[in-house]
Amino acid sequence: MTAADFTAEITITPPMWEELFLNKSRIKEKVPTHASPSMSETGNNVTALYSYLENEITARLEKLPPVISDDSIKIGHISFAFDNKDMINLLVKRGALITKGNFKKLPDINAKIDKLL
């Protein structure tokens, strides 16, 4: 078996983000995790979201009947990705304008970046 056999994708919607991260109402480091850094190590609150997800996924999987064996569940890795291709494209265009010295078009690109942001 490979890690890909057990890979899952979770979409974190804006309401989930608000409830789980910004309000910090449900995120607390419960136990040391395997797949994420500790808040105490990094000093960064976003690591609590790693911890929350790892603990939540593990707890839910452990409630299911074993499929292969009774081994304990361990999350190997959690990574976040963002759907920000539009912003990256605008930043690339802005960089190309600056590189070419075409500063007259910068206000238009900057306005698009501001609007998207």
PDB file of N, CA and C in Angstrom:
ATOM      1  N   MET A   1       0.830  -1.186   0.000  1.00  0.00           N
ATOM      2  CA  MET A   1       0.000   0.000   0.000  1.00  0.00           C
ATOM      3  C   MET A   1       0.867   1.239   0.000  1.00  0.00           C
ATOM      4  N   THR A   2       0.330   2.285  -0.554  1.00  0.00           N
ATOM      5  CA  THR A   2       1.044   3.555  -0.579  1.00  0.00           C
ATOM      6  C   THR A   2       0.218   4.612   0.139  1.00  0.00           C
ATOM      7  N   ALA A   3       0.856   5.739   0.409  1.00  0.00           N
ATOM      8  CA  ALA A   3       0.138   6.838   1.057  1.00  0.00           C
ATOM      9  C   ALA A   3      -1.035   7.301   0.204  1.00  0.00           C
ATOM     10  N   ALA A   4      -0.903   7.222  -1.108  1.00  0.00           N
ATOM     11  CA  ALA A   4      -1.978   7.668  -1.993  1.00  0.00           C
ATOM     12  C   ALA A   4      -3.245   6.842  -1.802  1.00  0.00           C
ATOM     13  N   ASP A   5      -3.106   5.602  -1.301  1.00  0.00           N
ATOM     14  CA  ASP A   5      -4.281   4.775  -1.057  1.00  0.00           C
ATOM     15  C   ASP A   5      -5.172   5.379   0.009  1.00  0.00           C
ATOM     16  N   PHE A   6      -4.614   6.260   0.813  1.00  0.00           N
ATOM     17  CA  PHE A   6      -5.352   6.803   1.939  1.00  0.00           C
ATOM     18  C   PHE A   6      -5.338   8.330   1.948  1.00  0.00           C
ATOM     19  N   THR A   7      -5.219   8.922   0.788  1.00  0.00           N
ATOM     20  CA  THR A   7      -5.182  10.376   0.687  1.00  0.00           C
ATOM     21  C   THR A   7      -6.604  10.910   0.610  1.00  0.00           C
ATOM     22  N   ALA A   8      -6.858  12.000   1.321  1.00  0.00           N
ATOM     23  CA  ALA A   8      -8.175  12.625   1.302  1.00  0.00           C
ATOM     24  C   ALA A   8      -8.010  14.128   1.093  1.00  0.00           C
ATOM     25  N   GLU A   9      -8.991  14.720   0.465  1.00  0.00           N
ATOM     26  CA  GLU A   9      -9.007  16.165   0.271  1.00  0.00           C
ATOM     27  C   GLU A   9     -10.226  16.725   0.986  1.00  0.00           C
ATOM     28  N   ILE A  10     -10.018  17.783   1.753  1.00  0.00           N
ATOM     29  CA  ILE A  10     -11.103  18.428   2.478  1.00  0.00           C
ATOM     30  C   ILE A  10     -11.148  19.890   2.055  1.00  0.00           C
ATOM     31  N   THR A  11     -12.306  20.356   1.664  1.00  0.00           N
ATOM     32  CA  THR A  11     -12.468  21.766   1.340  1.00  0.00           C
ATOM     33  C   THR A  11     -12.892  22.499   2.600  1.00  0.00           C
ATOM     34  N   ILE A  12     -12.113  23.493   2.984  1.00  0.00           N
ATOM     35  CA  ILE A  12     -12.451  24.315   4.142  1.00  0.00           C
ATOM     36  C   ILE A  12     -13.192  25.528   3.609  1.00  0.00           C
ATOM     37  N   THR A  13     -14.491  25.567   3.867  1.00  0.00           N
ATOM     38  CA  THR A  13     -15.330  26.647   3.363  1.00  0.00           C
ATOM     39  C   THR A  13     -15.135  27.906   4.217  1.00  0.00           C
ATOM     40  N   PRO A  14     -15.494  29.075   3.693  1.00  0.00           N
ATOM     41  CA  PRO A  14     -15.378  30.292   4.509  1.00  0.00           C
ATOM     42  C   PRO A  14     -16.087  30.197   5.866  1.00  0.00           C
ATOM     43  N   PRO A  15     -17.320  29.637   5.953  1.00  0.00           N
ATOM     44  CA  PRO A  15     -17.931  29.520   7.284  1.00  0.00           C
ATOM     45  C   PRO A  15     -17.136  28.610   8.228  1.00  0.00           C
ATOM     46  N   MET A  16     -16.575  27.511   7.691  1.00  0.00           N
ATOM     47  CA  MET A  16     -15.744  26.644   8.529  1.00  0.00           C
ATOM     48  C   MET A  16     -14.526  27.409   9.025  1.00  0.00           C
ATOM     49  N   TRP A  17     -13.897  28.156   8.128  1.00  0.00           N
ATOM     50  CA  TRP A  17     -12.712  28.932   8.484  1.00  0.00           C
ATOM     51  C   TRP A  17     -13.049  29.928   9.590  1.00  0.00           C
ATOM     52  N   GLU A  18     -14.183  30.609   9.434  1.00  0.00           N
ATOM     53  CA  GLU A  18     -14.613  31.581  10.447  1.00  0.00           C
ATOM     54  C   GLU A  18     -14.794  30.904  11.806  1.00  0.00           C
ATOM     55  N   GLU A  19     -15.527  29.801  11.804  1.00  0.00           N
ATOM     56  CA  GLU A  19     -15.829  29.134  13.074  1.00  0.00           C
ATOM     57  C   GLU A  19     -14.598  28.486  13.692  1.00  0.00           C
ATOM     58  N   LEU A  20     -13.828  27.778  12.870  1.00  0.00           N
ATOM     59  CA  LEU A  20     -12.730  26.990  13.408  1.00  0.00           C
ATOM     60  C   LEU A  20     -11.457  27.781  13.656  1.00  0.00           C
ATOM     61  N   PHE A  21     -11.182  28.759  12.816  1.00  0.00           N
ATOM     62  CA  PHE A  21      -9.902  29.439  12.955  1.00  0.00           C
ATOM     63  C   PHE A  21     -10.040  30.848  13.514  1.00  0.00           C
ATOM     64  N   LEU A  22     -10.804  31.676  12.845  1.00  0.00           N
ATOM     65  CA  LEU A  22     -10.863  33.070  13.256  1.00  0.00           C
ATOM     66  C   LEU A  22     -11.457  33.227  14.653  1.00  0.00           C
ATOM     67  N   ASN A  23     -12.505  32.494  14.941  1.00  0.00           N
ATOM     68  CA  ASN A  23     -13.106  32.575  16.271  1.00  0.00           C
ATOM     69  C   ASN A  23     -12.363  31.725  17.290  1.00  0.00           C
ATOM     70  N   LYS A  24     -11.577  30.791  16.803  1.00  0.00           N
ATOM     71  CA  LYS A  24     -10.794  29.896  17.654  1.00  0.00           C
ATOM     72  C   LYS A  24     -11.652  29.225  18.719  1.00  0.00           C
ATOM     73  N   SER A  25     -12.947  29.072  18.423  1.00  0.00           N
ATOM     74  CA  SER A  25     -13.859  28.526  19.417  1.00  0.00           C
ATOM     75  C   SER A  25     -13.656  27.033  19.636  1.00  0.00           C
ATOM     76  N   ARG A  26     -13.247  26.309  18.593  1.00  0.00           N
ATOM     77  CA  ARG A  26     -13.142  24.859  18.716  1.00  0.00           C
ATOM     78  C   ARG A  26     -11.721  24.358  18.555  1.00  0.00           C
ATOM     79  N   ILE A  27     -10.781  25.251  18.234  1.00  0.00           N
ATOM     80  CA  ILE A  27      -9.418  24.796  18.018  1.00  0.00           C
ATOM     81  C   ILE A  27      -8.646  24.881  19.317  1.00  0.00           C
ATOM     82  N   LYS A  28      -8.244  23.746  19.776  1.00  0.00           N
ATOM     83  CA  LYS A  28      -7.369  23.676  20.940  1.00  0.00           C
ATOM     84  C   LYS A  28      -6.451  22.494  20.702  1.00  0.00           C
ATOM     85  N   GLU A  29      -5.207  22.628  21.060  1.00  0.00           N
ATOM     86  CA  GLU A  29      -4.309  21.497  20.920  1.00  0.00           C
ATOM     87  C   GLU A  29      -4.699  20.469  21.971  1.00  0.00           C
ATOM     88  N   LYS A  30      -5.174  19.323  21.501  1.00  0.00           N
ATOM     89  CA  LYS A  30      -5.629  18.288  22.420  1.00  0.00           C
ATOM     90  C   LYS A  30      -4.460  17.406  22.857  1.00  0.00           C
ATOM     91  N   VAL A  31      -3.798  16.834  21.882  1.00  0.00           N
ATOM     92  CA  VAL A  31      -2.671  15.950  22.156  1.00  0.00           C
ATOM     93  C   VAL A  31      -1.587  16.245  21.135  1.00  0.00           C
ATOM     94  N   PRO A  32      -0.347  15.897  21.436  1.00  0.00           N
ATOM     95  CA  PRO A  32       0.694  16.077  20.415  1.00  0.00           C
ATOM     96  C   PRO A  32       0.302  15.323  19.146  1.00  0.00           C
ATOM     97  N   THR A  33       0.611  15.899  18.031  1.00  0.00           N
ATOM     98  CA  THR A  33       0.213  15.301  16.754  1.00  0.00           C
ATOM     99  C   THR A  33       1.432  14.782  16.010  1.00  0.00           C
ATOM    100  N   HIS A  34       1.175  13.947  15.018  1.00  0.00           N
ATOM    101  CA  HIS A  34       2.245  13.370  14.213  1.00  0.00           C
ATOM    102  C   HIS A  34       2.454  14.145  12.923  1.00  0.00           C
ATOM    103  N   ALA A  35       1.395  14.738  12.398  1.00  0.00           N
ATOM    104  CA  ALA A  35       1.435  15.312  11.055  1.00  0.00           C
ATOM    105  C   ALA A  35       1.598  16.817  11.043  1.00  0.00           C
ATOM    106  N   SER A  36       1.645  17.430  12.202  1.00  0.00           N
ATOM    107  CA  SER A  36       1.671  18.888  12.206  1.00  0.00           C
ATOM    108  C   SER A  36       2.569  19.410  13.319  1.00  0.00           C
ATOM    109  N   PRO A  37       3.088  20.607  13.140  1.00  0.00           N
ATOM    110  CA  PRO A  37       3.904  21.207  14.194  1.00  0.00           C
ATOM    111  C   PRO A  37       3.030  21.621  15.371  1.00  0.00           C
ATOM    112  N   SER A  38       3.648  21.789  16.501  1.00  0.00           N
ATOM    113  CA  SER A  38       2.917  22.207  17.693  1.00  0.00           C
ATOM    114  C   SER A  38       2.863  23.723  17.759  1.00  0.00           C
ATOM    115  N   MET A  39       1.754  24.246  18.276  1.00  0.00           N
ATOM    116  CA  MET A  39       1.650  25.697  18.464  1.00  0.00           C
ATOM    117  C   MET A  39       2.766  26.196  19.374  1.00  0.00           C
ATOM    118  N   SER A  40       3.103  25.409  20.389  1.00  0.00           N
ATOM    119  CA  SER A  40       4.156  25.844  21.306  1.00  0.00           C
ATOM    120  C   SER A  40       5.513  25.888  20.614  1.00  0.00           C
ATOM    121  N   GLU A  41       5.710  25.063  19.586  1.00  0.00           N
ATOM    122  CA  GLU A  41       6.967  25.065  18.838  1.00  0.00           C
ATOM    123  C   GLU A  41       7.053  26.246  17.882  1.00  0.00           C
ATOM    124  N   THR A  42       5.953  26.568  17.241  1.00  0.00           N
ATOM    125  CA  THR A  42       5.986  27.583  16.189  1.00  0.00           C
ATOM    126  C   THR A  42       5.530  28.949  16.653  1.00  0.00           C
ATOM    127  N   GLY A  43       4.706  28.994  17.684  1.00  0.00           N
ATOM    128  CA  GLY A  43       4.146  30.269  18.120  1.00  0.00           C
ATOM    129  C   GLY A  43       3.128  30.823  17.147  1.00  0.00           C
ATOM    130  N   ASN A  44       2.634  30.000  16.232  1.00  0.00           N
ATOM    131  CA  ASN A  44       1.708  30.431  15.190  1.00  0.00           C
ATOM    132  C   ASN A  44       0.372  29.732  15.382  1.00  0.00           C
ATOM    133  N   ASN A  45      -0.698  30.501  15.528  1.00  0.00           N
ATOM    134  CA  ASN A  45      -2.010  29.917  15.789  1.00  0.00           C
ATOM    135  C   ASN A  45      -2.535  29.033  14.669  1.00  0.00           C
ATOM    136  N   VAL A  46      -2.091  29.252  13.422  1.00  0.00           N
ATOM    137  CA  VAL A  46      -2.617  28.437  12.324  1.00  0.00           C
ATOM    138  C   VAL A  46      -2.225  26.978  12.507  1.00  0.00           C
ATOM    139  N   THR A  47      -1.151  26.710  13.244  1.00  0.00           N
ATOM    140  CA  THR A  47      -0.789  25.310  13.483  1.00  0.00           C
ATOM    141  C   THR A  47      -1.859  24.600  14.296  1.00  0.00           C
ATOM    142  N   ALA A  48      -2.668  25.345  15.027  1.00  0.00           N
ATOM    143  CA  ALA A  48      -3.769  24.720  15.769  1.00  0.00           C
ATOM    144  C   ALA A  48      -4.774  24.100  14.810  1.00  0.00           C
ATOM    145  N   LEU A  49      -4.923  24.646  13.616  1.00  0.00           N
ATOM    146  CA  LEU A  49      -5.841  24.063  12.649  1.00  0.00           C
ATOM    147  C   LEU A  49      -5.326  22.706  12.187  1.00  0.00           C
ATOM    148  N   TYR A  50      -4.008  22.583  11.991  1.00  0.00           N
ATOM    149  CA  TYR A  50      -3.434  21.273  11.685  1.00  0.00           C
ATOM    150  C   TYR A  50      -3.787  20.282  12.790  1.00  0.00           C
ATOM    151  N   SER A  51      -3.534  20.689  14.011  1.00  0.00           N
ATOM    152  CA  SER A  51      -3.782  19.827  15.166  1.00  0.00           C
ATOM    153  C   SER A  51      -5.253  19.443  15.254  1.00  0.00           C
ATOM    154  N   TYR A  52      -6.124  20.426  15.085  1.00  0.00           N
ATOM    155  CA  TYR A  52      -7.565  20.169  15.143  1.00  0.00           C
ATOM    156  C   TYR A  52      -7.964  19.138  14.090  1.00  0.00           C
ATOM    157  N   LEU A  53      -7.522  19.351  12.838  1.00  0.00           N
ATOM    158  CA  LEU A  53      -7.893  18.434  11.763  1.00  0.00           C
ATOM    159  C   LEU A  53      -7.347  17.038  12.014  1.00  0.00           C
ATOM    160  N   GLU A  54      -6.101  16.950  12.431  1.00  0.00           N
ATOM    161  CA  GLU A  54      -5.514  15.640  12.676  1.00  0.00           C
ATOM    162  C   GLU A  54      -6.268  14.898  13.782  1.00  0.00           C
ATOM    163  N   ASN A  55      -6.538  15.572  14.870  1.00  0.00           N
ATOM    164  CA  ASN A  55      -7.253  14.930  15.974  1.00  0.00           C
ATOM    165  C   ASN A  55      -8.683  14.565  15.588  1.00  0.00           C
ATOM    166  N   GLU A  56      -9.353  15.448  14.860  1.00  0.00           N
ATOM    167  CA  GLU A  56     -10.734  15.193  14.448  1.00  0.00           C
ATOM    168  C   GLU A  56     -10.814  14.024  13.474  1.00  0.00           C
ATOM    169  N   ILE A  57      -9.947  13.999  12.477  1.00  0.00           N
ATOM    170  CA  ILE A  57      -9.951  12.913  11.484  1.00  0.00           C
ATOM    171  C   ILE A  57      -9.614  11.590  12.166  1.00  0.00           C
ATOM    172  N   THR A  58      -8.603  11.598  13.017  1.00  0.00           N
ATOM    173  CA  THR A  58      -8.208  10.379  13.724  1.00  0.00           C
ATOM    174  C   THR A  58      -9.352   9.854  14.584  1.00  0.00           C
ATOM    175  N   ALA A  59      -9.992  10.734  15.338  1.00  0.00           N
ATOM    176  CA  ALA A  59     -11.094  10.312  16.206  1.00  0.00           C
ATOM    177  C   ALA A  59     -12.233   9.697  15.401  1.00  0.00           C
ATOM    178  N   ARG A  60     -12.554  10.301  14.267  1.00  0.00           N
ATOM    179  CA  ARG A  60     -13.653   9.772  13.450  1.00  0.00           C
ATOM    180  C   ARG A  60     -13.286   8.430  12.814  1.00  0.00           C
ATOM    181  N   LEU A  61     -12.042   8.302  12.342  1.00  0.00           N
ATOM    182  CA  LEU A  61     -11.621   7.038  11.732  1.00  0.00           C
ATOM    183  C   LEU A  61     -11.548   5.910  12.754  1.00  0.00           C
ATOM    184  N   GLU A  62     -11.154   6.227  13.963  1.00  0.00           N
ATOM    185  CA  GLU A  62     -11.050   5.195  14.990  1.00  0.00           C
ATOM    186  C   GLU A  62     -12.408   4.665  15.425  1.00  0.00           C
ATOM    187  N   LYS A  63     -13.478   5.381  15.128  1.00  0.00           N
ATOM    188  CA  LYS A  63     -14.832   4.907  15.444  1.00  0.00           C
ATOM    189  C   LYS A  63     -15.318   3.879  14.424  1.00  0.00           C
ATOM    190  N   LEU A  64     -14.655   3.815  13.266  1.00  0.00           N
ATOM    191  CA  LEU A  64     -15.066   2.877  12.222  1.00  0.00           C
ATOM    192  C   LEU A  64     -14.479   1.492  12.500  1.00  0.00           C
ATOM    193  N   PRO A  65     -15.134   0.438  12.002  1.00  0.00           N
ATOM    194  CA  PRO A  65     -14.561  -0.900  12.179  1.00  0.00           C
ATOM    195  C   PRO A  65     -13.253  -1.026  11.400  1.00  0.00           C
ATOM    196  N   PRO A  66     -12.288  -1.770  11.946  1.00  0.00           N
ATOM    197  CA  PRO A  66     -11.012  -1.926  11.234  1.00  0.00           C
ATOM    198  C   PRO A  66     -11.212  -2.639   9.897  1.00  0.00           C
ATOM    199  N   VAL A  67     -10.429  -2.211   8.904  1.00  0.00           N
ATOM    200  CA  VAL A  67     -10.525  -2.806   7.575  1.00  0.00           C
ATOM    201  C   VAL A  67      -9.428  -3.839   7.377  1.00  0.00           C
ATOM    202  N   ILE A  68      -8.200  -3.470   7.727  1.00  0.00           N
ATOM    203  CA  ILE A  68      -7.068  -4.356   7.487  1.00  0.00           C
ATOM    204  C   ILE A  68      -6.569  -4.960   8.804  1.00  0.00           C
ATOM    205  N   SER A  69      -6.399  -4.103   9.801  1.00  0.00           N
ATOM    206  CA  SER A  69      -5.913  -4.580  11.089  1.00  0.00           C
ATOM    207  C   SER A  69      -6.371  -3.620  12.181  1.00  0.00           C
ATOM    208  N   ASP A  70      -6.061  -3.973  13.408  1.00  0.00           N
ATOM    209  CA  ASP A  70      -6.452  -3.140  14.545  1.00  0.00           C
ATOM    210  C   ASP A  70      -5.390  -2.110  14.909  1.00  0.00           C
ATOM    211  N   ASP A  71      -4.448  -1.848  14.024  1.00  0.00           N
ATOM    212  CA  ASP A  71      -3.389  -0.877  14.318  1.00  0.00           C
ATOM    213  C   ASP A  71      -3.989   0.501  14.571  1.00  0.00           C
ATOM    214  N   SER A  72      -3.287   1.288  15.373  1.00  0.00           N
ATOM    215  CA  SER A  72      -3.776   2.640  15.643  1.00  0.00           C
ATOM    216  C   SER A  72      -3.654   3.504  14.391  1.00  0.00           C
ATOM    217  N   ILE A  73      -4.525   4.475  14.291  1.00  0.00           N
ATOM    218  CA  ILE A  73      -4.561   5.381  13.143  1.00  0.00           C
ATOM    219  C   ILE A  73      -3.555   6.498  13.376  1.00  0.00           C
ATOM    220  N   LYS A  74      -2.749   6.774  12.366  1.00  0.00           N
ATOM    221  CA  LYS A  74      -1.815   7.895  12.427  1.00  0.00           C
ATOM    222  C   LYS A  74      -1.907   8.661  11.117  1.00  0.00           C
ATOM    223  N   ILE A  75      -2.065   9.960  11.214  1.00  0.00           N
ATOM    224  CA  ILE A  75      -2.084  10.823  10.034  1.00  0.00           C
ATOM    225  C   ILE A  75      -0.628  11.135   9.711  1.00  0.00           C
ATOM    226  N   GLY A  76      -0.219  10.844   8.488  1.00  0.00           N
ATOM    227  CA  GLY A  76       1.176  11.033   8.103  1.00  0.00           C
ATOM    228  C   GLY A  76       1.529  12.465   7.773  1.00  0.00           C
ATOM    229  N   HIS A  77       0.608  13.174   7.135  1.00  0.00           N
ATOM    230  CA  HIS A  77       0.946  14.527   6.694  1.00  0.00           C
ATOM    231  C   HIS A  77      -0.339  15.299   6.403  1.00  0.00           C
ATOM    232  N   ILE A  78      -0.333  16.562   6.772  1.00  0.00           N
ATOM    233  CA  ILE A  78      -1.425  17.476   6.421  1.00  0.00           C
ATOM    234  C   ILE A  78      -0.792  18.678   5.748  1.00  0.00           C
ATOM    235  N   SER A  79      -1.337  19.067   4.616  1.00  0.00           N
ATOM    236  CA  SER A  79      -0.836  20.278   3.958  1.00  0.00           C
ATOM    237  C   SER A  79      -2.030  21.100   3.492  1.00  0.00           C
ATOM    238  N   PHE A  80      -1.848  22.403   3.527  1.00  0.00           N
ATOM    239  CA  PHE A  80      -2.888  23.317   3.077  1.00  0.00           C
ATOM    240  C   PHE A  80      -2.520  23.847   1.703  1.00  0.00           C
ATOM    241  N   ALA A  81      -3.519  24.022   0.872  1.00  0.00           N
ATOM    242  CA  ALA A  81      -3.338  24.629  -0.440  1.00  0.00           C
ATOM    243  C   ALA A  81      -4.427  25.683  -0.606  1.00  0.00           C
ATOM    244  N   PHE A  82      -4.140  26.676  -1.380  1.00  0.00           N
ATOM    245  CA  PHE A  82      -5.085  27.758  -1.580  1.00  0.00           C
ATOM    246  C   PHE A  82      -5.410  27.884  -3.057  1.00  0.00           C
ATOM    247  N   ASP A  83      -6.653  28.197  -3.343  1.00  0.00           N
ATOM    248  CA  ASP A  83      -7.100  28.412  -4.714  1.00  0.00           C
ATOM    249  C   ASP A  83      -6.883  29.887  -5.044  1.00  0.00           C
ATOM    250  N   ASN A  84      -5.651  30.234  -5.382  1.00  0.00           N
ATOM    251  CA  ASN A  84      -5.338  31.641  -5.625  1.00  0.00           C
ATOM    252  C   ASN A  84      -4.639  31.864  -6.972  1.00  0.00           C
ATOM    253  N   LYS A  85      -5.024  31.071  -7.960  1.00  0.00           N
ATOM    254  CA  LYS A  85      -4.368  31.190  -9.261  1.00  0.00           C
ATOM    255  C   LYS A  85      -4.595  32.554  -9.902  1.00  0.00           C
ATOM    256  N   ASP A  86      -5.763  33.172  -9.660  1.00  0.00           N
ATOM    257  CA  ASP A  86      -6.029  34.491 -10.239  1.00  0.00           C
ATOM    258  C   ASP A  86      -5.059  35.536  -9.683  1.00  0.00           C
ATOM    259  N   MET A  87      -4.802  35.472  -8.378  1.00  0.00           N
ATOM    260  CA  MET A  87      -3.866  36.410  -7.762  1.00  0.00           C
ATOM    261  C   MET A  87      -2.447  36.176  -8.280  1.00  0.00           C
ATOM    262  N   ILE A  88      -2.055  34.933  -8.381  1.00  0.00           N
ATOM    263  CA  ILE A  88      -0.710  34.619  -8.883  1.00  0.00           C
ATOM    264  C   ILE A  88      -0.550  35.142 -10.303  1.00  0.00           C
ATOM    265  N   ASN A  89      -1.564  34.952 -11.148  1.00  0.00           N
ATOM    266  CA  ASN A  89      -1.495  35.450 -12.530  1.00  0.00           C
ATOM    267  C   ASN A  89      -1.341  36.970 -12.564  1.00  0.00           C
ATOM    268  N   LEU A  90      -2.090  37.679 -11.720  1.00  0.00           N
ATOM    269  CA  LEU A  90      -1.975  39.141 -11.679  1.00  0.00           C
ATOM    270  C   LEU A  90      -0.593  39.573 -11.191  1.00  0.00           C
ATOM    271  N   LEU A  91      -0.063  38.877 -10.204  1.00  0.00           N
ATOM    272  CA  LEU A  91       1.270  39.222  -9.695  1.00  0.00           C
ATOM    273  C   LEU A  91       2.353  38.962 -10.735  1.00  0.00           C
ATOM    274  N   VAL A  92       2.187  37.899 -11.523  1.00  0.00           N
ATOM    275  CA  VAL A  92       3.141  37.616 -12.609  1.00  0.00           C
ATOM    276  C   VAL A  92       3.079  38.729 -13.658  1.00  0.00           C
ATOM    277  N   LYS A  93       1.863  39.145 -14.027  1.00  0.00           N
ATOM    278  CA  LYS A  93       1.711  40.243 -14.992  1.00  0.00           C
ATOM    279  C   LYS A  93       2.333  41.534 -14.455  1.00  0.00           C
ATOM    280  N   ARG A  94       2.100  41.794 -13.170  1.00  0.00           N
ATOM    281  CA  ARG A  94       2.662  42.997 -12.542  1.00  0.00           C
ATOM    282  C   ARG A  94       4.192  42.948 -12.574  1.00  0.00           C
ATOM    283  N   GLY A  95       4.740  41.774 -12.251  1.00  0.00           N
ATOM    284  CA  GLY A  95       6.192  41.607 -12.287  1.00  0.00           C
ATOM    285  C   GLY A  95       6.763  41.818 -13.680  1.00  0.00           C
ATOM    286  N   ALA A  96       6.062  41.330 -14.695  1.00  0.00           N
ATOM    287  CA  ALA A  96       6.517  41.504 -16.079  1.00  0.00           C
ATOM    288  C   ALA A  96       6.494  42.981 -16.467  1.00  0.00           C
ATOM    289  N   LEU A  97       5.458  43.704 -16.043  1.00  0.00           N
ATOM    290  CA  LEU A  97       5.385  45.141 -16.337  1.00  0.00           C
ATOM    291  C   LEU A  97       6.541  45.895 -15.686  1.00  0.00           C
ATOM    292  N   ILE A  98       6.826  45.558 -14.443  1.00  0.00           N
ATOM    293  CA  ILE A  98       7.923  46.224 -13.731  1.00  0.00           C
ATOM    294  C   ILE A  98       9.254  45.900 -14.393  1.00  0.00           C
ATOM    295  N   THR A  99       9.441  44.636 -14.752  1.00  0.00           N
ATOM    296  CA  THR A  99      10.686  44.219 -15.409  1.00  0.00           C
ATOM    297  C   THR A  99      10.902  44.962 -16.712  1.00  0.00           C
ATOM    298  N   LYS A 100       9.833  45.200 -17.462  1.00  0.00           N
ATOM    299  CA  LYS A 100       9.922  45.904 -18.746  1.00  0.00           C
ATOM    300  C   LYS A 100       9.938  47.416 -18.582  1.00  0.00           C
ATOM    301  N   GLY A 101       9.736  47.884 -17.335  1.00  0.00           N
ATOM    302  CA  GLY A 101       9.715  49.327 -17.103  1.00  0.00           C
ATOM    303  C   GLY A 101       8.438  49.990 -17.582  1.00  0.00           C
ATOM    304  N   ASN A 102       7.387  49.220 -17.751  1.00  0.00           N
ATOM    305  CA  ASN A 102       6.109  49.731 -18.230  1.00  0.00           C
ATOM    306  C   ASN A 102       5.233  50.128 -17.029  1.00  0.00           C
ATOM    307  N   PHE A 103       5.588  51.229 -16.390  1.00  0.00           N
ATOM    308  CA  PHE A 103       4.930  51.641 -15.155  1.00  0.00           C
ATOM    309  C   PHE A 103       3.564  52.292 -15.384  1.00  0.00           C
ATOM    310  N   LYS A 104       3.252  52.657 -16.627  1.00  0.00           N
ATOM    311  CA  LYS A 104       1.962  53.287 -16.910  1.00  0.00           C
ATOM    312  C   LYS A 104       0.797  52.315 -16.704  1.00  0.00           C
ATOM    313  N   LYS A 105       1.046  51.024 -16.911  1.00  0.00           N
ATOM    314  CA  LYS A 105      -0.023  50.029 -16.770  1.00  0.00           C
ATOM    315  C   LYS A 105      -0.132  49.484 -15.342  1.00  0.00           C
ATOM    316  N   LEU A 106       0.792  49.869 -14.472  1.00  0.00           N
ATOM    317  CA  LEU A 106       0.766  49.364 -13.101  1.00  0.00           C
ATOM    318  C   LEU A 106      -0.504  49.725 -12.325  1.00  0.00           C
ATOM    319  N   PRO A 107      -1.015  50.961 -12.436  1.00  0.00           N
ATOM    320  CA  PRO A 107      -2.225  51.280 -11.669  1.00  0.00           C
ATOM    321  C   PRO A 107      -3.402  50.355 -11.977  1.00  0.00           C
ATOM    322  N   ASP A 108      -3.542  49.956 -13.254  1.00  0.00           N
ATOM    323  CA  ASP A 108      -4.635  49.060 -13.636  1.00  0.00           C
ATOM    324  C   ASP A 108      -4.460  47.686 -12.978  1.00  0.00           C
ATOM    325  N   ILE A 109      -3.258  47.136 -13.060  1.00  0.00           N
ATOM    326  CA  ILE A 109      -2.984  45.831 -12.444  1.00  0.00           C
ATOM    327  C   ILE A 109      -3.124  45.927 -10.929  1.00  0.00           C
ATOM    328  N   ASN A 110      -2.591  46.997 -10.334  1.00  0.00           N
ATOM    329  CA  ASN A 110      -2.695  47.169  -8.880  1.00  0.00           C
ATOM    330  C   ASN A 110      -4.155  47.237  -8.432  1.00  0.00           C
ATOM    331  N   ALA A 111      -4.987  47.896  -9.220  1.00  0.00           N
ATOM    332  CA  ALA A 111      -6.417  47.986  -8.894  1.00  0.00           C
ATOM    333  C   ALA A 111      -7.063  46.587  -8.944  1.00  0.00           C
ATOM    334  N   LYS A 112      -6.691  45.794  -9.939  1.00  0.00           N
ATOM    335  CA  LYS A 112      -7.224  44.441 -10.030  1.00  0.00           C
ATOM    336  C   LYS A 112      -6.765  43.585  -8.856  1.00  0.00           C
ATOM    337  N   ILE A 113      -5.502  43.754  -8.465  1.00  0.00           N
ATOM    338  CA  ILE A 113      -4.984  43.015  -7.308  1.00  0.00           C
ATOM    339  C   ILE A 113      -5.736  43.431  -6.048  1.00  0.00           C
ATOM    340  N   ASP A 114      -5.926  44.728  -5.857  1.00  0.00           N
ATOM    341  CA  ASP A 114      -6.649  45.232  -4.680  1.00  0.00           C
ATOM    342  C   ASP A 114      -8.075  44.704  -4.632  1.00  0.00           C
ATOM    343  N   LYS A 115      -8.733  44.690  -5.798  1.00  0.00           N
ATOM    344  CA  LYS A 115     -10.119  44.223  -5.849  1.00  0.00           C
ATOM    345  C   LYS A 115     -10.193  42.736  -5.506  1.00  0.00           C
ATOM    346  N   LEU A 116      -9.266  41.966  -6.058  1.00  0.00           N
ATOM    347  CA  LEU A 116      -9.246  40.520  -5.797  1.00  0.00           C
ATOM    348  C   LEU A 116      -8.915  40.225  -4.345  1.00  0.00           C
ATOM    349  N   LEU A 117      -7.996  41.010  -3.805  1.00  0.00           N
ATOM    350  CA  LEU A 117      -7.596  40.810  -2.407  1.00  0.00           C
ATOM    351  C   LEU A 117      -8.745  41.122  -1.479  1.00  0.00           C
TER     352      LEU A 117
END
